[in-house]
Amino acid sequence: MNICVFCGSASGNNPVYADAAKELASLLCEKNATLIYGGGNIGLMGILADEVMHGGGKVIGVIPDFLMSKEVGHSGISQLEVVASMHERKRRMADLADAFIALPGGWGTLDELAEILTCYFNSLISQMQTMVKDGFLHSKNLQELNVGETPKELLIQLGLISV
């Protein structure tokens, strides 16, 4: 299985973040999962990739050329793909992945996660409905989310258009 992990190019101010990256790396190796990630050698990205490699796992990084030219591309991983843009990076990572995990990070991590959530929006709504059914999410929390097939449906839900 190929697991795409979105995470920061910084390590954060608390060692708990690096510890989580190391724990995830260990588990990926234990399950023979391939790490797909942003290709960096710094921050949580670098820690995660290094730990998977040290554990004997496989790591595929995808990095845009402008970041490669800043010398943050990880040369010690199984495979490093250099692409033309951030958009292409996200698309390639999604194409390679069977599943996605997000560790702490900054704007880039949020952007990557938001794009994946957008791609899987219907599945996300179904999962939330299952969470309500199985007692892990209160129905009132799901009801706070407005979902519609058309703009008109959304404006009706918001009370801007009457039926």
Protein backbone atom coordinates (compact mmCIF):
# COMPACT_ATOMS: atom_id res chain seq x y z
CA MET A 1 0.00 0.00 0.00
CA ASN A 2 1.20 3.52 -0.83
CA ILE A 3 0.51 6.01 1.96
CA CYS A 4 0.81 9.71 1.15
CA VAL A 5 1.76 11.81 4.15
CA PHE A 6 1.36 15.58 4.14
CA CYS A 7 3.52 17.27 6.76
CA GLY A 8 5.62 20.30 7.51
CA SER A 9 8.96 21.45 6.19
CA ALA A 10 9.52 22.59 9.78
CA SER A 11 9.72 20.36 12.84
CA GLY A 12 7.60 22.54 15.12
CA ASN A 13 8.39 23.78 18.61
CA ASN A 14 7.49 20.61 20.48
CA PRO A 15 9.38 17.31 20.14
CA VAL A 16 6.02 15.49 20.15
CA TYR A 17 5.70 16.29 16.41
CA ALA A 18 9.00 14.64 15.50
CA ASP A 19 8.11 11.71 17.74
CA ALA A 20 4.81 11.27 15.89
CA ALA A 21 6.64 11.31 12.54
CA LYS A 22 9.08 8.68 13.82
CA GLU A 23 6.26 6.50 15.15
CA LEU A 24 4.40 6.73 11.84
CA ALA A 25 7.58 5.83 9.95
CA SER A 26 8.07 2.78 12.14
CA LEU A 27 4.50 1.62 11.55
CA LEU A 28 4.77 2.16 7.79
CA CYS A 29 7.90 0.01 7.72
CA GLU A 30 6.29 -2.65 9.90
CA LYS A 31 3.37 -2.89 7.45
CA ASN A 32 5.60 -2.72 4.32
CA ALA A 33 3.81 0.43 3.18
CA THR A 34 5.53 2.80 0.78
CA LEU A 35 5.76 6.42 1.90
CA ILE A 36 4.70 9.00 -0.67
CA TYR A 37 5.55 12.55 0.46
CA GLY A 38 6.69 15.98 -0.67
CA GLY A 39 10.32 15.03 -1.26
CA GLY A 40 11.97 17.39 1.22
CA ASN A 41 14.92 16.67 3.48
CA ILE A 42 13.95 19.21 6.14
CA GLY A 43 11.42 19.40 8.97
CA LEU A 44 8.92 16.64 9.61
CA MET A 45 9.21 15.62 5.96
CA GLY A 46 12.91 14.89 6.38
CA ILE A 47 12.45 13.13 9.70
CA LEU A 48 9.69 10.92 8.31
CA ALA A 49 11.62 10.00 5.17
CA ASP A 50 14.86 9.35 7.06
CA GLU A 51 13.12 7.09 9.55
CA VAL A 52 11.37 5.06 6.84
CA MET A 53 14.67 4.64 5.00
CA HIS A 54 16.49 3.66 8.23
CA GLY A 55 13.74 1.11 8.86
CA GLY A 56 14.29 -0.49 5.47
CA GLY A 57 11.15 0.94 3.88
CA LYS A 58 10.52 2.49 0.49
CA VAL A 59 10.12 6.25 0.06
CA ILE A 60 8.93 8.12 -3.02
CA GLY A 61 9.26 11.89 -2.88
CA VAL A 62 7.70 14.36 -5.29
CA ILE A 63 9.18 17.85 -5.33
CA PRO A 64 8.78 20.87 -7.60
CA ASP A 65 11.95 21.98 -9.36
CA PHE A 66 12.00 25.40 -7.66
CA LEU A 67 12.32 23.66 -4.27
CA MET A 68 14.88 21.24 -5.64
CA SER A 69 16.96 24.23 -6.72
CA LYS A 70 16.87 25.51 -3.10
CA GLU A 71 18.62 22.24 -2.16
CA VAL A 72 15.81 20.85 -0.02
CA GLY A 73 15.23 17.77 -2.19
CA HIS A 74 16.02 14.54 -0.34
CA SER A 75 18.77 12.65 -2.17
CA GLY A 76 18.79 9.70 0.24
CA ILE A 77 15.38 8.18 -0.56
CA SER A 78 14.30 5.34 -2.82
CA GLN A 79 12.96 7.60 -5.57
CA LEU A 80 12.73 11.37 -6.00
CA GLU A 81 10.55 12.77 -8.77
CA VAL A 82 11.09 16.39 -9.76
CA VAL A 83 8.01 18.06 -11.25
CA ALA A 84 7.33 21.49 -12.72
CA SER A 85 4.92 22.96 -10.14
CA MET A 86 3.18 22.58 -6.80
CA HIS A 87 -0.02 21.68 -8.65
CA GLU A 88 1.75 18.87 -10.50
CA ARG A 89 3.32 17.72 -7.22
CA LYS A 90 -0.08 17.37 -5.55
CA ARG A 91 -1.55 15.59 -8.57
CA ARG A 92 1.37 13.15 -8.78
CA MET A 93 1.26 12.40 -5.05
CA ALA A 94 -2.49 11.74 -5.29
CA ASP A 95 -1.98 9.48 -8.32
CA LEU A 96 0.60 7.41 -6.44
CA ALA A 97 -1.34 7.12 -3.16
CA ASP A 98 -3.83 4.58 -1.89
CA ALA A 99 -4.50 6.55 1.31
CA PHE A 100 -3.61 9.90 2.90
CA ILE A 101 -2.39 11.00 6.32
CA ALA A 102 -1.70 14.55 7.53
CA LEU A 103 0.81 15.34 10.25
CA PRO A 104 1.27 18.90 11.54
CA GLY A 105 2.50 21.49 9.08
CA GLY A 106 1.90 24.94 7.73
CA TRP A 107 0.11 26.43 4.73
CA GLY A 108 1.42 23.78 2.34
CA THR A 109 0.11 20.94 4.48
CA LEU A 110 -3.29 22.60 4.76
CA ASP A 111 -3.37 23.18 1.01
CA GLU A 112 -2.51 19.56 0.23
CA LEU A 113 -5.07 18.24 2.70
CA ALA A 114 -7.79 20.59 1.45
CA GLU A 115 -7.23 19.52 -2.15
CA ILE A 116 -7.54 15.84 -1.24
CA LEU A 117 -10.66 16.50 0.82
CA THR A 118 -12.15 18.31 -2.16
CA CYS A 119 -11.47 15.32 -4.41
CA TYR A 120 -13.12 12.95 -1.95
CA PHE A 121 -15.92 15.23 -0.76
CA ASN A 122 -18.80 12.76 -1.23
CA SER A 123 -16.87 10.04 0.58
CA LEU A 124 -16.12 12.50 3.38
CA ILE A 125 -19.82 13.30 3.83
CA SER A 126 -20.66 9.57 3.85
CA GLN A 127 -17.99 9.00 6.50
CA MET A 128 -19.45 11.78 8.66
CA GLN A 129 -22.91 10.20 8.35
CA THR A 130 -21.41 6.87 9.46
CA MET A 131 -19.77 8.63 12.41
CA VAL A 132 -23.21 9.93 13.48
CA LYS A 133 -24.84 6.52 12.98
CA ASP A 134 -22.12 4.78 15.00
CA GLY A 135 -22.23 7.31 17.83
CA PHE A 136 -18.89 9.07 17.28
CA LEU A 137 -20.30 12.39 16.10
CA HIS A 138 -23.37 14.22 17.34
CA SER A 139 -25.97 14.73 14.61
CA LYS A 140 -26.15 18.45 15.48
CA ASN A 141 -22.49 18.77 14.45
CA LEU A 142 -23.21 17.27 11.05
CA GLN A 143 -26.28 19.45 10.68
CA GLU A 144 -24.05 22.52 10.99
CA LEU A 145 -22.56 21.57 7.63
CA ASN A 146 -24.54 22.78 4.62
CA VAL A 147 -24.39 20.36 1.70
CA GLY A 148 -26.32 20.75 -1.53
CA GLU A 149 -26.28 19.68 -5.14
CA THR A 150 -26.86 23.19 -6.50
CA PRO A 151 -26.12 26.76 -5.45
CA LYS A 152 -29.86 27.33 -5.03
CA GLU A 153 -30.11 24.45 -2.53
CA LEU A 154 -27.28 25.97 -0.50
CA LEU A 155 -28.85 29.43 -0.49
CA ILE A 156 -32.16 27.90 0.65
CA GLN A 157 -30.34 26.17 3.52
CA LEU A 158 -28.72 29.46 4.44
CA GLY A 159 -32.11 31.16 4.47
CA LEU A 160 -31.25 33.54 1.63
CA ILE A 161 -33.84 32.05 -0.70
CA SER A 162 -37.27 30.82 0.33
CA VAL A 163 -38.76 27.67 -1.11
